[in-house]
C-alpha cells in the first residue's frame, strides 16, 4: 500500500507542475513548462552544504521542444558564510552559460538562442567546489 501511495503522490505532483526527489545527500526540484514565455517564483536554495550538496539542481522540462531565447534568474548568494557562487545553466545537457551570483541578489540574464527541451540550473563555487545559491524567480522565453 505504501508503494502505491508514494507512486500516486509522485504522479499528482508531476501533473501539478512540480516535484522534488530526495536522497540522503541531495535534493533536486523538477518543474514542467507548458509553454513559452513562462515564469515562476521557485524560492529554492540549491548547491552547497546548507542546501543539499552538489547534486541539488533545478530542472525545467518543456512539454515539447521549443526555441529558447532568454533565461532570466533572480538569485542571491546570501545563504551561508562564503559568497562565491556561480550559477550554471545547461540546455539538454550542454553548458549554455554561467555567471557570478551577487550576495545582495540580482537578475541574471542568459541568452540561449537554441532549441531545447530541458533547462537545468546548478550552483557551484568559483573554485570549482560547492556553493549555495537562493533562486527566487525564473523566467524562460
C-alpha atoms as a PDB file:
ATOM      1  CA  UNK A   1       0.000   0.000   0.000  1.00  0.00           C
ATOM      2  CA  UNK A   2       2.857   2.426   0.798  1.00  0.00           C
ATOM      3  CA  UNK A   3       4.432   1.938  -2.635  1.00  0.00           C
ATOM      4  CA  UNK A   4       1.091   2.691  -4.301  1.00  0.00           C
ATOM      5  CA  UNK A   5       0.592   5.846  -2.186  1.00  0.00           C
ATOM      6  CA  UNK A   6       4.121   7.079  -2.972  1.00  0.00           C
ATOM      7  CA  UNK A   7       3.629   6.467  -6.691  1.00  0.00           C
ATOM      8  CA  UNK A   8       0.255   8.232  -6.621  1.00  0.00           C
ATOM      9  CA  UNK A   9       1.700  11.244  -4.793  1.00  0.00           C
ATOM     10  CA  UNK A  10       4.568  11.498  -7.304  1.00  0.00           C
ATOM     11  CA  UNK A  11       2.120  11.375 -10.227  1.00  0.00           C
ATOM     12  CA  UNK A  12      -0.122  14.074  -8.718  1.00  0.00           C
ATOM     13  CA  UNK A  13       2.867  16.351  -8.055  1.00  0.00           C
ATOM     14  CA  UNK A  14       4.158  15.828 -11.585  1.00  0.00           C
ATOM     15  CA  UNK A  15       0.773  16.747 -13.052  1.00  0.00           C
ATOM     16  CA  UNK A  16       0.663  19.848 -10.855  1.00  0.00           C
ATOM     17  CA  UNK A  17       3.922  21.027 -12.398  1.00  0.00           C
ATOM     18  CA  UNK A  18       6.354  20.410  -9.592  1.00  0.00           C
ATOM     19  CA  UNK A  19       8.013  17.560  -7.828  1.00  0.00           C
ATOM     20  CA  UNK A  20      11.002  17.024  -5.651  1.00  0.00           C
ATOM     21  CA  UNK A  21      13.130  13.964  -5.332  1.00  0.00           C
ATOM     22  CA  UNK A  22      15.320  13.428  -2.354  1.00  0.00           C
ATOM     23  CA  UNK A  23      18.218  11.267  -1.352  1.00  0.00           C
ATOM     24  CA  UNK A  24      20.418  11.363   1.706  1.00  0.00           C
ATOM     25  CA  UNK A  25      22.805  13.906   0.182  1.00  0.00           C
ATOM     26  CA  UNK A  26      20.899  15.898  -2.441  1.00  0.00           C
ATOM     27  CA  UNK A  27      17.525  17.304  -3.297  1.00  0.00           C
ATOM     28  CA  UNK A  28      16.604  18.414  -6.797  1.00  0.00           C
ATOM     29  CA  UNK A  29      13.412  20.134  -7.871  1.00  0.00           C
ATOM     30  CA  UNK A  30      11.540  19.454 -11.108  1.00  0.00           C
ATOM     31  CA  UNK A  31       9.129  21.774 -12.942  1.00  0.00           C
ATOM     32  CA  UNK A  32       7.082  21.315 -16.101  1.00  0.00           C
ATOM     33  CA  UNK A  33       6.972  24.244 -18.534  1.00  0.00           C
ATOM     34  CA  UNK A  34       3.716  24.085 -20.523  1.00  0.00           C
ATOM     35  CA  UNK A  35       4.539  26.895 -22.990  1.00  0.00           C
ATOM     36  CA  UNK A  36       6.746  29.952 -23.517  1.00  0.00           C
ATOM     37  CA  UNK A  37       7.066  32.573 -22.192  1.00  0.00           C
ATOM     38  CA  UNK A  38       6.921  31.058 -18.703  1.00  0.00           C
ATOM     39  CA  UNK A  39       7.751  32.488 -15.283  1.00  0.00           C
ATOM     40  CA  UNK A  40       7.648  31.012 -11.803  1.00  0.00           C
ATOM     41  CA  UNK A  41       8.602  32.012  -8.288  1.00  0.00           C
ATOM     42  CA  UNK A  42      10.574  28.977  -7.128  1.00  0.00           C
ATOM     43  CA  UNK A  43      12.271  30.294  -3.951  1.00  0.00           C
ATOM     44  CA  UNK A  44      14.658  27.315  -3.661  1.00  0.00           C
ATOM     45  CA  UNK A  45      18.169  27.013  -2.265  1.00  0.00           C
ATOM     46  CA  UNK A  46      20.488  24.868  -4.383  1.00  0.00           C
ATOM     47  CA  UNK A  47      24.102  23.705  -4.055  1.00  0.00           C
ATOM     48  CA  UNK A  48      26.387  23.791  -1.045  1.00  0.00           C
ATOM     49  CA  UNK A  49      26.181  22.064   2.321  1.00  0.00           C
ATOM     50  CA  UNK A  50      23.374  24.342   3.552  1.00  0.00           C
ATOM     51  CA  UNK A  51      21.119  23.437   0.605  1.00  0.00           C
ATOM     52  CA  UNK A  52      21.661  19.744  -0.047  1.00  0.00           C
ATOM     53  CA  UNK A  53      25.009  19.494  -1.806  1.00  0.00           C
ATOM     54  CA  UNK A  54      26.292  19.488  -5.355  1.00  0.00           C
ATOM     55  CA  UNK A  55      23.628  17.110  -6.687  1.00  0.00           C
ATOM     56  CA  UNK A  56      20.961  19.665  -5.831  1.00  0.00           C
ATOM     57  CA  UNK A  57      19.665  21.340  -9.018  1.00  0.00           C
ATOM     58  CA  UNK A  58      16.579  22.926 -10.538  1.00  0.00           C
ATOM     59  CA  UNK A  59      15.197  21.107 -13.606  1.00  0.00           C
ATOM     60  CA  UNK A  60      12.743  22.746 -16.030  1.00  0.00           C
ATOM     61  CA  UNK A  61      11.287  20.479 -18.705  1.00  0.00           C
ATOM     62  CA  UNK A  62       9.228  21.816 -21.593  1.00  0.00           C
ATOM     63  CA  UNK A  63       6.247  19.741 -22.651  1.00  0.00           C
ATOM     64  CA  UNK A  64       7.674  19.862 -26.167  1.00  0.00           C
ATOM     65  CA  UNK A  65      10.990  21.144 -27.546  1.00  0.00           C
ATOM     66  CA  UNK A  66      10.972  24.866 -28.359  1.00  0.00           C
ATOM     67  CA  UNK A  67      13.299  27.646 -29.450  1.00  0.00           C
ATOM     68  CA  UNK A  68      14.678  29.196 -26.257  1.00  0.00           C
ATOM     69  CA  UNK A  69      15.833  32.813 -26.461  1.00  0.00           C
ATOM     70  CA  UNK A  70      16.408  34.006 -22.903  1.00  0.00           C
ATOM     71  CA  UNK A  71      16.549  32.730 -19.344  1.00  0.00           C
ATOM     72  CA  UNK A  72      16.289  35.276 -16.529  1.00  0.00           C
ATOM     73  CA  UNK A  73      17.007  34.173 -12.968  1.00  0.00           C
ATOM     74  CA  UNK A  74      16.546  36.302  -9.862  1.00  0.00           C
ATOM     75  CA  UNK A  75      19.051  34.888  -7.356  1.00  0.00           C
ATOM     76  CA  UNK A  76      21.296  35.785  -4.418  1.00  0.00           C
ATOM     77  CA  UNK A  77      24.320  34.338  -2.642  1.00  0.00           C
ATOM     78  CA  UNK A  78      23.327  35.419   0.867  1.00  0.00           C
ATOM     79  CA  UNK A  79      22.892  31.896   2.226  1.00  0.00           C
ATOM     80  CA  UNK A  80      25.999  30.848   4.166  1.00  0.00           C
ATOM     81  CA  UNK A  81      29.334  32.318   5.283  1.00  0.00           C
ATOM     82  CA  UNK A  82      31.045  32.211   1.878  1.00  0.00           C
ATOM     83  CA  UNK A  83      29.797  34.284  -1.057  1.00  0.00           C
ATOM     84  CA  UNK A  84      31.442  32.964  -4.206  1.00  0.00           C
ATOM     85  CA  UNK A  85      28.626  31.188  -6.043  1.00  0.00           C
ATOM     86  CA  UNK A  86      28.426  30.732  -9.796  1.00  0.00           C
ATOM     87  CA  UNK A  87      25.098  29.757 -11.367  1.00  0.00           C
ATOM     88  CA  UNK A  88      25.481  27.432 -14.359  1.00  0.00           C
ATOM     89  CA  UNK A  89      22.769  26.850 -16.953  1.00  0.00           C
ATOM     90  CA  UNK A  90      22.535  23.697 -19.053  1.00  0.00           C
ATOM     91  CA  UNK A  91      20.221  23.153 -22.036  1.00  0.00           C
ATOM     92  CA  UNK A  92      19.690  19.500 -22.908  1.00  0.00           C
ATOM     93  CA  UNK A  93      22.890  18.604 -21.044  1.00  0.00           C
ATOM     94  CA  UNK A  94      25.187  21.184 -22.686  1.00  0.00           C
ATOM     95  CA  UNK A  95      26.555  24.181 -20.782  1.00  0.00           C
ATOM     96  CA  UNK A  96      24.748  27.309 -22.026  1.00  0.00           C
ATOM     97  CA  UNK A  97      26.326  29.838 -19.653  1.00  0.00           C
ATOM     98  CA  UNK A  98      27.491  30.683 -16.168  1.00  0.00           C
ATOM     99  CA  UNK A  99      27.514  33.872 -14.105  1.00  0.00           C
ATOM    100  CA  UNK A 100      28.635  35.018 -10.679  1.00  0.00           C
ATOM    101  CA  UNK A 101      25.807  35.375  -8.164  1.00  0.00           C
ATOM    102  CA  UNK A 102      25.856  38.582  -6.126  1.00  0.00           C
ATOM    103  CA  UNK A 103      25.437  38.328  -2.361  1.00  0.00           C
ATOM    104  CA  UNK A 104      22.774  41.075  -2.367  1.00  0.00           C
ATOM    105  CA  UNK A 105      20.994  39.477  -5.329  1.00  0.00           C
ATOM    106  CA  UNK A 106      20.372  40.435  -8.941  1.00  0.00           C
ATOM    107  CA  UNK A 107      18.660  39.250 -12.086  1.00  0.00           C
ATOM    108  CA  UNK A 108      20.989  37.117 -14.182  1.00  0.00           C
ATOM    109  CA  UNK A 109      20.260  37.003 -17.929  1.00  0.00           C
ATOM    110  CA  UNK A 110      21.384  34.055 -20.035  1.00  0.00           C
ATOM    111  CA  UNK A 111      20.922  34.416 -23.813  1.00  0.00           C
ATOM    112  CA  UNK A 112      20.167  30.913 -25.104  1.00  0.00           C
ATOM    113  CA  UNK A 113      19.217  31.102 -28.823  1.00  0.00           C
ATOM    114  CA  UNK A 114      18.813  27.366 -29.330  1.00  0.00           C
ATOM    115  CA  UNK A 115      16.211  24.636 -29.464  1.00  0.00           C
ATOM    116  CA  UNK A 116      15.840  22.679 -26.285  1.00  0.00           C
ATOM    117  CA  UNK A 117      13.584  20.653 -24.042  1.00  0.00           C
ATOM    118  CA  UNK A 118      15.297  20.705 -20.639  1.00  0.00           C
ATOM    119  CA  UNK A 119      16.959  23.563 -18.743  1.00  0.00           C
ATOM    120  CA  UNK A 120      18.943  22.835 -15.568  1.00  0.00           C
ATOM    121  CA  UNK A 121      20.346  25.311 -13.023  1.00  0.00           C
ATOM    122  CA  UNK A 122      23.360  24.289 -10.935  1.00  0.00           C
ATOM    123  CA  UNK A 123      25.190  26.280  -8.247  1.00  0.00           C
ATOM    124  CA  UNK A 124      28.952  25.830  -7.858  1.00  0.00           C
ATOM    125  CA  UNK A 125      31.827  27.740  -6.273  1.00  0.00           C
ATOM    126  CA  UNK A 126      34.221  29.944  -8.240  1.00  0.00           C
ATOM    127  CA  UNK A 127      36.980  27.497  -7.234  1.00  0.00           C
ATOM    128  CA  UNK A 128      35.042  24.504  -8.597  1.00  0.00           C
ATOM    129  CA  UNK A 129      33.671  23.267  -5.279  1.00  0.00           C
ATOM    130  CA  UNK A 130      30.178  23.565  -3.925  1.00  0.00           C
ATOM    131  CA  UNK A 131      28.370  26.810  -3.019  1.00  0.00           C
ATOM    132  CA  UNK A 132      24.819  27.813  -2.112  1.00  0.00           C
ATOM    133  CA  UNK A 133      22.535  29.996  -4.259  1.00  0.00           C
ATOM    134  CA  UNK A 134      18.997  31.103  -3.394  1.00  0.00           C
ATOM    135  CA  UNK A 135      16.992  31.079  -6.636  1.00  0.00           C
ATOM    136  CA  UNK A 136      13.928  33.273  -6.217  1.00  0.00           C
ATOM    137  CA  UNK A 137      12.337  33.567  -9.656  1.00  0.00           C
ATOM    138  CA  UNK A 138      12.861  32.063 -13.114  1.00  0.00           C
ATOM    139  CA  UNK A 139      11.592  33.395 -16.453  1.00  0.00           C
ATOM    140  CA  UNK A 140      12.088  31.434 -19.667  1.00  0.00           C
ATOM    141  CA  UNK A 141      11.246  32.747 -23.131  1.00  0.00           C
END
